[in-house]
């Protein structure tokens, strides 16, 4: 078993999948390696802290394990995005812990984080605004979480949340995307808030906000692999 990760660099053409991590690709990763590689592009994401393969996913221990992929100048301000993560948390404690982080070197008001605050799932914009969902996470339970972002202006977006392929709620958010990304993190953020996490799948598709039917189809396709 193994992982797949894809990050596309600068391009004049619109790309959809800019990041993909799939724990069912056996060619990209084996336990003990300190990185996983996309075979199509050769781009490497580094794994820090000794994360291991467990339960068909990459096991981050919540102490010092995380993965970092380099970013590029590929994102415009007025765009859309779809984020999908398939994960579980072996333990859940107090405080903030990051599941997936997408940010510039100087986080400021740009970028976002998918995190838990205690057991409450949140979508955090920049350094301040926390958009709390109604999802309370339970230890040792797998969740397939999807967020779609439709950008109206450079700072105003519609955020929709889906759980296991089913629409839950939406928010109007104020967010400026970084267009000079420095890092893409799993199980961590710039604040080093490591997450006790088993990640089976993560994908960020940019320049596309998936419809409800596409979200449900993606959910069914991914979980059928496990």
C-alpha atoms as a PDB file:
ATOM      1  CA  UNK A   1       0.000   0.000   0.000  1.00  0.00           C
ATOM      2  CA  UNK A   2       1.123   3.604  -0.352  1.00  0.00           C
ATOM      3  CA  UNK A   3       0.328   7.206  -1.083  1.00  0.00           C
ATOM      4  CA  UNK A   4      -0.220   9.567  -3.949  1.00  0.00           C
ATOM      5  CA  UNK A   5       0.321  13.303  -3.908  1.00  0.00           C
ATOM      6  CA  UNK A   6       0.111  15.820  -6.726  1.00  0.00           C
ATOM      7  CA  UNK A   7       1.075  19.464  -6.680  1.00  0.00           C
ATOM      8  CA  UNK A   8       1.089  21.407  -9.921  1.00  0.00           C
ATOM      9  CA  UNK A   9       3.345  24.380 -10.329  1.00  0.00           C
ATOM     10  CA  UNK A  10       3.000  27.584 -12.336  1.00  0.00           C
ATOM     11  CA  UNK A  11       0.902  27.252 -15.458  1.00  0.00           C
ATOM     12  CA  UNK A  12      -1.010  29.503 -17.803  1.00  0.00           C
ATOM     13  CA  UNK A  13      -3.723  26.867 -18.083  1.00  0.00           C
ATOM     14  CA  UNK A  14      -6.270  26.301 -15.358  1.00  0.00           C
ATOM     15  CA  UNK A  15      -5.639  23.121 -13.426  1.00  0.00           C
ATOM     16  CA  UNK A  16      -8.177  21.368 -11.273  1.00  0.00           C
ATOM     17  CA  UNK A  17      -6.286  18.956  -9.020  1.00  0.00           C
ATOM     18  CA  UNK A  18      -3.366  20.805  -7.450  1.00  0.00           C
ATOM     19  CA  UNK A  19      -2.874  18.427  -4.552  1.00  0.00           C
ATOM     20  CA  UNK A  20      -3.813  14.783  -4.177  1.00  0.00           C
ATOM     21  CA  UNK A  21      -2.890  12.318  -1.483  1.00  0.00           C
ATOM     22  CA  UNK A  22      -4.251   8.802  -1.928  1.00  0.00           C
ATOM     23  CA  UNK A  23      -3.228   6.061   0.482  1.00  0.00           C
ATOM     24  CA  UNK A  24      -4.046   3.312  -2.020  1.00  0.00           C
ATOM     25  CA  UNK A  25      -1.248   4.007  -4.506  1.00  0.00           C
ATOM     26  CA  UNK A  26       1.488   1.438  -3.699  1.00  0.00           C
ATOM     27  CA  UNK A  27       4.168   2.974  -5.945  1.00  0.00           C
ATOM     28  CA  UNK A  28       4.756   6.280  -4.200  1.00  0.00           C
ATOM     29  CA  UNK A  29       5.396   5.424  -0.581  1.00  0.00           C
ATOM     30  CA  UNK A  30       6.559   2.686   1.751  1.00  0.00           C
ATOM     31  CA  UNK A  31       6.836   2.783   5.556  1.00  0.00           C
ATOM     32  CA  UNK A  32      10.070   4.318   6.737  1.00  0.00           C
ATOM     33  CA  UNK A  33      10.501   6.717   3.814  1.00  0.00           C
ATOM     34  CA  UNK A  34      10.728  10.401   4.668  1.00  0.00           C
ATOM     35  CA  UNK A  35       8.810  11.582   1.600  1.00  0.00           C
ATOM     36  CA  UNK A  36       6.170  10.642  -0.940  1.00  0.00           C
ATOM     37  CA  UNK A  37       6.443  11.476  -4.634  1.00  0.00           C
ATOM     38  CA  UNK A  38       4.019  12.048  -7.474  1.00  0.00           C
ATOM     39  CA  UNK A  39       5.209   9.765 -10.274  1.00  0.00           C
ATOM     40  CA  UNK A  40       3.767  11.998 -13.008  1.00  0.00           C
ATOM     41  CA  UNK A  41       5.508  15.225 -11.974  1.00  0.00           C
ATOM     42  CA  UNK A  42       8.330  14.015  -9.747  1.00  0.00           C
ATOM     43  CA  UNK A  43       7.405  16.626  -7.127  1.00  0.00           C
ATOM     44  CA  UNK A  44       8.244  15.548  -3.596  1.00  0.00           C
ATOM     45  CA  UNK A  45       6.378  16.153  -0.337  1.00  0.00           C
ATOM     46  CA  UNK A  46       8.505  15.658   2.746  1.00  0.00           C
ATOM     47  CA  UNK A  47       7.319  13.725   5.796  1.00  0.00           C
ATOM     48  CA  UNK A  48       8.735  14.870   9.133  1.00  0.00           C
ATOM     49  CA  UNK A  49       8.848  13.220  12.535  1.00  0.00           C
ATOM     50  CA  UNK A  50       8.595   9.567  11.546  1.00  0.00           C
ATOM     51  CA  UNK A  51       4.975   9.262  10.402  1.00  0.00           C
ATOM     52  CA  UNK A  52       4.132   5.657   9.532  1.00  0.00           C
ATOM     53  CA  UNK A  53       1.588   3.765   7.463  1.00  0.00           C
ATOM     54  CA  UNK A  54      -1.390   2.414   9.466  1.00  0.00           C
ATOM     55  CA  UNK A  55      -4.985   1.376   8.721  1.00  0.00           C
ATOM     56  CA  UNK A  56      -4.657   2.257   5.005  1.00  0.00           C
ATOM     57  CA  UNK A  57      -3.472   5.761   5.795  1.00  0.00           C
ATOM     58  CA  UNK A  58      -0.526   7.824   6.912  1.00  0.00           C
ATOM     59  CA  UNK A  59      -0.352   7.928  10.720  1.00  0.00           C
ATOM     60  CA  UNK A  60       0.615  11.287  12.246  1.00  0.00           C
ATOM     61  CA  UNK A  61       1.239  10.969  15.995  1.00  0.00           C
ATOM     62  CA  UNK A  62       0.202  14.483  17.090  1.00  0.00           C
ATOM     63  CA  UNK A  63       3.639  15.136  18.601  1.00  0.00           C
ATOM     64  CA  UNK A  64       6.031  15.937  15.766  1.00  0.00           C
ATOM     65  CA  UNK A  65       4.683  14.198  12.622  1.00  0.00           C
ATOM     66  CA  UNK A  66       3.543  16.210   9.628  1.00  0.00           C
ATOM     67  CA  UNK A  67       3.954  16.483   5.885  1.00  0.00           C
ATOM     68  CA  UNK A  68       4.961  19.571   3.951  1.00  0.00           C
ATOM     69  CA  UNK A  69       4.630  20.114   0.203  1.00  0.00           C
ATOM     70  CA  UNK A  70       6.079  23.186  -1.459  1.00  0.00           C
ATOM     71  CA  UNK A  71       3.716  25.667  -3.101  1.00  0.00           C
ATOM     72  CA  UNK A  72       4.041  27.751  -6.234  1.00  0.00           C
ATOM     73  CA  UNK A  73       2.610  30.929  -7.743  1.00  0.00           C
ATOM     74  CA  UNK A  74      -0.417  29.219  -9.200  1.00  0.00           C
ATOM     75  CA  UNK A  75      -3.436  30.765  -7.538  1.00  0.00           C
ATOM     76  CA  UNK A  76      -5.371  33.888  -8.517  1.00  0.00           C
ATOM     77  CA  UNK A  77      -7.481  35.828  -6.040  1.00  0.00           C
ATOM     78  CA  UNK A  78     -10.814  35.462  -7.842  1.00  0.00           C
ATOM     79  CA  UNK A  79     -11.141  31.717  -8.110  1.00  0.00           C
ATOM     80  CA  UNK A  80     -12.947  28.693  -6.727  1.00  0.00           C
ATOM     81  CA  UNK A  81     -11.731  25.635  -4.890  1.00  0.00           C
ATOM     82  CA  UNK A  82     -12.861  22.228  -3.596  1.00  0.00           C
ATOM     83  CA  UNK A  83     -11.195  20.572  -0.608  1.00  0.00           C
ATOM     84  CA  UNK A  84     -11.746  16.912   0.328  1.00  0.00           C
ATOM     85  CA  UNK A  85     -10.215  15.037   3.257  1.00  0.00           C
ATOM     86  CA  UNK A  86     -10.820  11.480   4.476  1.00  0.00           C
ATOM     87  CA  UNK A  87      -9.437  10.941   7.961  1.00  0.00           C
ATOM     88  CA  UNK A  88      -9.916   9.838  11.529  1.00  0.00           C
ATOM     89  CA  UNK A  89      -8.429  10.956  14.842  1.00  0.00           C
ATOM     90  CA  UNK A  90      -7.344   8.168  17.199  1.00  0.00           C
ATOM     91  CA  UNK A  91      -7.534  10.622  20.117  1.00  0.00           C
ATOM     92  CA  UNK A  92      -9.271  13.971  20.591  1.00  0.00           C
ATOM     93  CA  UNK A  93      -8.219  16.444  23.261  1.00  0.00           C
ATOM     94  CA  UNK A  94      -8.618  20.137  23.999  1.00  0.00           C
ATOM     95  CA  UNK A  95      -7.330  23.050  21.948  1.00  0.00           C
ATOM     96  CA  UNK A  96      -6.725  23.584  18.239  1.00  0.00           C
ATOM     97  CA  UNK A  97      -5.191  20.939  16.002  1.00  0.00           C
ATOM     98  CA  UNK A  98      -4.746  21.280  12.234  1.00  0.00           C
ATOM     99  CA  UNK A  99      -5.944  18.652   9.756  1.00  0.00           C
ATOM    100  CA  UNK A 100      -4.951  20.426   6.549  1.00  0.00           C
ATOM    101  CA  UNK A 101      -3.346  23.841   6.165  1.00  0.00           C
ATOM    102  CA  UNK A 102      -2.977  25.924   3.014  1.00  0.00           C
ATOM    103  CA  UNK A 103      -1.097  29.119   3.612  1.00  0.00           C
ATOM    104  CA  UNK A 104       1.560  31.617   2.639  1.00  0.00           C
ATOM    105  CA  UNK A 105       4.822  32.100   4.464  1.00  0.00           C
ATOM    106  CA  UNK A 106       3.353  35.142   6.249  1.00  0.00           C
ATOM    107  CA  UNK A 107      -0.084  33.750   7.121  1.00  0.00           C
ATOM    108  CA  UNK A 108      -1.714  37.098   8.000  1.00  0.00           C
ATOM    109  CA  UNK A 109      -5.195  37.348   6.478  1.00  0.00           C
ATOM    110  CA  UNK A 110      -4.544  34.883   3.666  1.00  0.00           C
ATOM    111  CA  UNK A 111      -5.044  31.153   3.312  1.00  0.00           C
ATOM    112  CA  UNK A 112      -7.061  28.739   5.431  1.00  0.00           C
ATOM    113  CA  UNK A 113      -6.895  25.806   7.821  1.00  0.00           C
ATOM    114  CA  UNK A 114      -9.203  22.869   8.405  1.00  0.00           C
ATOM    115  CA  UNK A 115      -8.875  22.129  12.102  1.00  0.00           C
ATOM    116  CA  UNK A 116     -10.544  20.880  15.220  1.00  0.00           C
ATOM    117  CA  UNK A 117     -11.135  23.022  18.281  1.00  0.00           C
ATOM    118  CA  UNK A 118     -11.589  20.377  20.921  1.00  0.00           C
ATOM    119  CA  UNK A 119     -13.892  18.004  19.075  1.00  0.00           C
ATOM    120  CA  UNK A 120     -15.562  20.729  16.982  1.00  0.00           C
ATOM    121  CA  UNK A 121     -14.615  20.902  13.282  1.00  0.00           C
ATOM    122  CA  UNK A 122     -13.703  24.408  12.095  1.00  0.00           C
ATOM    123  CA  UNK A 123     -12.684  26.172   8.922  1.00  0.00           C
ATOM    124  CA  UNK A 124     -10.300  29.001   9.811  1.00  0.00           C
ATOM    125  CA  UNK A 125      -9.502  31.945   7.557  1.00  0.00           C
ATOM    126  CA  UNK A 126      -6.208  33.729   7.978  1.00  0.00           C
ATOM    127  CA  UNK A 127      -5.166  34.281  11.561  1.00  0.00           C
ATOM    128  CA  UNK A 128      -8.549  35.283  12.972  1.00  0.00           C
ATOM    129  CA  UNK A 129     -11.934  34.129  11.635  1.00  0.00           C
ATOM    130  CA  UNK A 130     -13.127  30.671  12.743  1.00  0.00           C
ATOM    131  CA  UNK A 131     -16.169  29.272  10.966  1.00  0.00           C
ATOM    132  CA  UNK A 132     -17.465  26.522  13.231  1.00  0.00           C
ATOM    133  CA  UNK A 133     -19.410  23.653  11.726  1.00  0.00           C
ATOM    134  CA  UNK A 134     -21.996  21.556  13.507  1.00  0.00           C
ATOM    135  CA  UNK A 135     -19.765  18.489  13.219  1.00  0.00           C
ATOM    136  CA  UNK A 136     -18.416  17.183  16.506  1.00  0.00           C
ATOM    137  CA  UNK A 137     -15.671  14.666  15.857  1.00  0.00           C
ATOM    138  CA  UNK A 138     -15.547  11.348  17.677  1.00  0.00           C
ATOM    139  CA  UNK A 139     -12.288   9.482  18.246  1.00  0.00           C
ATOM    140  CA  UNK A 140     -11.618   6.493  15.970  1.00  0.00           C
ATOM    141  CA  UNK A 141     -14.358   7.443  13.508  1.00  0.00           C
ATOM    142  CA  UNK A 142     -13.616   8.091   9.832  1.00  0.00           C
ATOM    143  CA  UNK A 143     -15.008  11.263   8.256  1.00  0.00           C
ATOM    144  CA  UNK A 144     -15.075  12.386   4.653  1.00  0.00           C
ATOM    145  CA  UNK A 145     -15.269  16.183   4.793  1.00  0.00           C
ATOM    146  CA  UNK A 146     -15.713  18.356   1.694  1.00  0.00           C
ATOM    147  CA  UNK A 147     -15.624  22.142   1.418  1.00  0.00           C
ATOM    148  CA  UNK A 148     -16.427  24.021  -1.771  1.00  0.00           C
ATOM    149  CA  UNK A 149     -15.432  27.657  -2.171  1.00  0.00           C
ATOM    150  CA  UNK A 150     -17.000  29.914  -4.777  1.00  0.00           C
ATOM    151  CA  UNK A 151     -15.275  33.290  -4.986  1.00  0.00           C
ATOM    152  CA  UNK A 152     -17.386  36.356  -5.791  1.00  0.00           C
ATOM    153  CA  UNK A 153     -14.705  39.010  -5.389  1.00  0.00           C
ATOM    154  CA  UNK A 154     -11.101  39.128  -4.245  1.00  0.00           C
ATOM    155  CA  UNK A 155     -12.222  38.785  -0.617  1.00  0.00           C
ATOM    156  CA  UNK A 156     -15.807  37.456  -0.477  1.00  0.00           C
ATOM    157  CA  UNK A 157     -16.574  33.767  -0.961  1.00  0.00           C
ATOM    158  CA  UNK A 158     -19.355  31.243  -0.484  1.00  0.00           C
ATOM    159  CA  UNK A 159     -18.207  28.269   1.568  1.00  0.00           C
ATOM    160  CA  UNK A 160     -20.283  25.061   1.531  1.00  0.00           C
ATOM    161  CA  UNK A 161     -19.711  22.105   3.843  1.00  0.00           C
ATOM    162  CA  UNK A 162     -20.463  18.447   3.064  1.00  0.00           C
ATOM    163  CA  UNK A 163     -20.157  15.434   5.373  1.00  0.00           C
ATOM    164  CA  UNK A 164     -19.865  11.976   3.771  1.00  0.00           C
ATOM    165  CA  UNK A 165     -21.096  13.444   0.483  1.00  0.00           C
ATOM    166  CA  UNK A 166     -24.162  15.164   1.970  1.00  0.00           C
ATOM    167  CA  UNK A 167     -24.636  18.956   2.157  1.00  0.00           C
ATOM    168  CA  UNK A 168     -24.639  20.348   5.712  1.00  0.00           C
ATOM    169  CA  UNK A 169     -24.494  24.159   5.698  1.00  0.00           C
ATOM    170  CA  UNK A 170     -22.878  27.195   4.095  1.00  0.00           C
ATOM    171  CA  UNK A 171     -21.172  30.445   5.084  1.00  0.00           C
ATOM    172  CA  UNK A 172     -20.369  33.755   3.439  1.00  0.00           C
ATOM    173  CA  UNK A 173     -16.728  34.288   4.308  1.00  0.00           C
ATOM    174  CA  UNK A 174     -14.201  37.053   3.902  1.00  0.00           C
ATOM    175  CA  UNK A 175     -10.951  35.542   2.721  1.00  0.00           C
ATOM    176  CA  UNK A 176      -8.082  36.531   0.503  1.00  0.00           C
ATOM    177  CA  UNK A 177      -6.258  33.615  -1.064  1.00  0.00           C
ATOM    178  CA  UNK A 178      -2.474  33.774  -1.114  1.00  0.00           C
ATOM    179  CA  UNK A 179      -1.225  33.716  -4.691  1.00  0.00           C
ATOM    180  CA  UNK A 180       2.356  33.075  -3.644  1.00  0.00           C
ATOM    181  CA  UNK A 181       2.085  29.903  -1.595  1.00  0.00           C
ATOM    182  CA  UNK A 182       4.932  28.731   0.535  1.00  0.00           C
ATOM    183  CA  UNK A 183       3.581  25.518   1.975  1.00  0.00           C
ATOM    184  CA  UNK A 184       0.873  22.891   2.001  1.00  0.00           C
ATOM    185  CA  UNK A 185       0.713  21.029   5.323  1.00  0.00           C
ATOM    186  CA  UNK A 186      -0.981  17.870   6.564  1.00  0.00           C
ATOM    187  CA  UNK A 187      -1.450  17.399  10.340  1.00  0.00           C
ATOM    188  CA  UNK A 188       0.194  20.725  11.183  1.00  0.00           C
ATOM    189  CA  UNK A 189       0.200  24.492  10.614  1.00  0.00           C
ATOM    190  CA  UNK A 190       2.690  27.322  10.876  1.00  0.00           C
ATOM    191  CA  UNK A 191       1.886  27.382  14.604  1.00  0.00           C
ATOM    192  CA  UNK A 192       3.096  23.779  14.998  1.00  0.00           C
ATOM    193  CA  UNK A 193      -0.284  22.547  16.196  1.00  0.00           C
ATOM    194  CA  UNK A 194       0.306  18.895  15.376  1.00  0.00           C
ATOM    195  CA  UNK A 195      -2.701  16.617  14.957  1.00  0.00           C
ATOM    196  CA  UNK A 196      -3.135  12.999  16.056  1.00  0.00           C
ATOM    197  CA  UNK A 197      -4.438  11.823  12.716  1.00  0.00           C
ATOM    198  CA  UNK A 198      -4.748   8.997  10.218  1.00  0.00           C
ATOM    199  CA  UNK A 199      -5.130  10.512   6.750  1.00  0.00           C
ATOM    200  CA  UNK A 200      -6.372   8.222   3.995  1.00  0.00           C
ATOM    201  CA  UNK A 201      -7.089  10.779   1.315  1.00  0.00           C
ATOM    202  CA  UNK A 202      -6.803  14.500   0.669  1.00  0.00           C
ATOM    203  CA  UNK A 203      -7.414  16.464  -2.495  1.00  0.00           C
ATOM    204  CA  UNK A 204      -7.589  20.163  -3.213  1.00  0.00           C
ATOM    205  CA  UNK A 205      -9.014  21.010  -6.615  1.00  0.00           C
ATOM    206  CA  UNK A 206      -8.534  24.594  -7.648  1.00  0.00           C
ATOM    207  CA  UNK A 207     -10.437  26.626 -10.228  1.00  0.00           C
ATOM    208  CA  UNK A 208     -13.473  24.436  -9.639  1.00  0.00           C
ATOM    209  CA  UNK A 209     -16.248  24.430  -7.054  1.00  0.00           C
ATOM    210  CA  UNK A 210     -17.866  20.987  -7.310  1.00  0.00           C
ATOM    211  CA  UNK A 211     -21.632  20.589  -7.421  1.00  0.00           C
ATOM    212  CA  UNK A 212     -23.531  18.555  -4.823  1.00  0.00           C
ATOM    213  CA  UNK A 213     -23.788  15.596  -7.197  1.00  0.00           C
ATOM    214  CA  UNK A 214     -20.062  15.739  -7.936  1.00  0.00           C
ATOM    215  CA  UNK A 215     -19.265  15.829  -4.216  1.00  0.00           C
ATOM    216  CA  UNK A 216     -21.408  12.751  -3.594  1.00  0.00           C
ATOM    217  CA  UNK A 217     -19.833  10.936  -6.557  1.00  0.00           C
ATOM    218  CA  UNK A 218     -16.316  11.766  -5.333  1.00  0.00           C
ATOM    219  CA  UNK A 219     -17.195  10.506  -1.871  1.00  0.00           C
ATOM    220  CA  UNK A 220     -18.552   7.199  -3.190  1.00  0.00           C
ATOM    221  CA  UNK A 221     -15.560   6.739  -5.507  1.00  0.00           C
ATOM    222  CA  UNK A 222     -12.962   7.337  -2.803  1.00  0.00           C
ATOM    223  CA  UNK A 223     -14.449   5.265   0.006  1.00  0.00           C
ATOM    224  CA  UNK A 224     -15.039   2.349  -2.382  1.00  0.00           C
ATOM    225  CA  UNK A 225     -11.239   2.087  -2.626  1.00  0.00           C
ATOM    226  CA  UNK A 226     -10.934   1.330   1.075  1.00  0.00           C
END
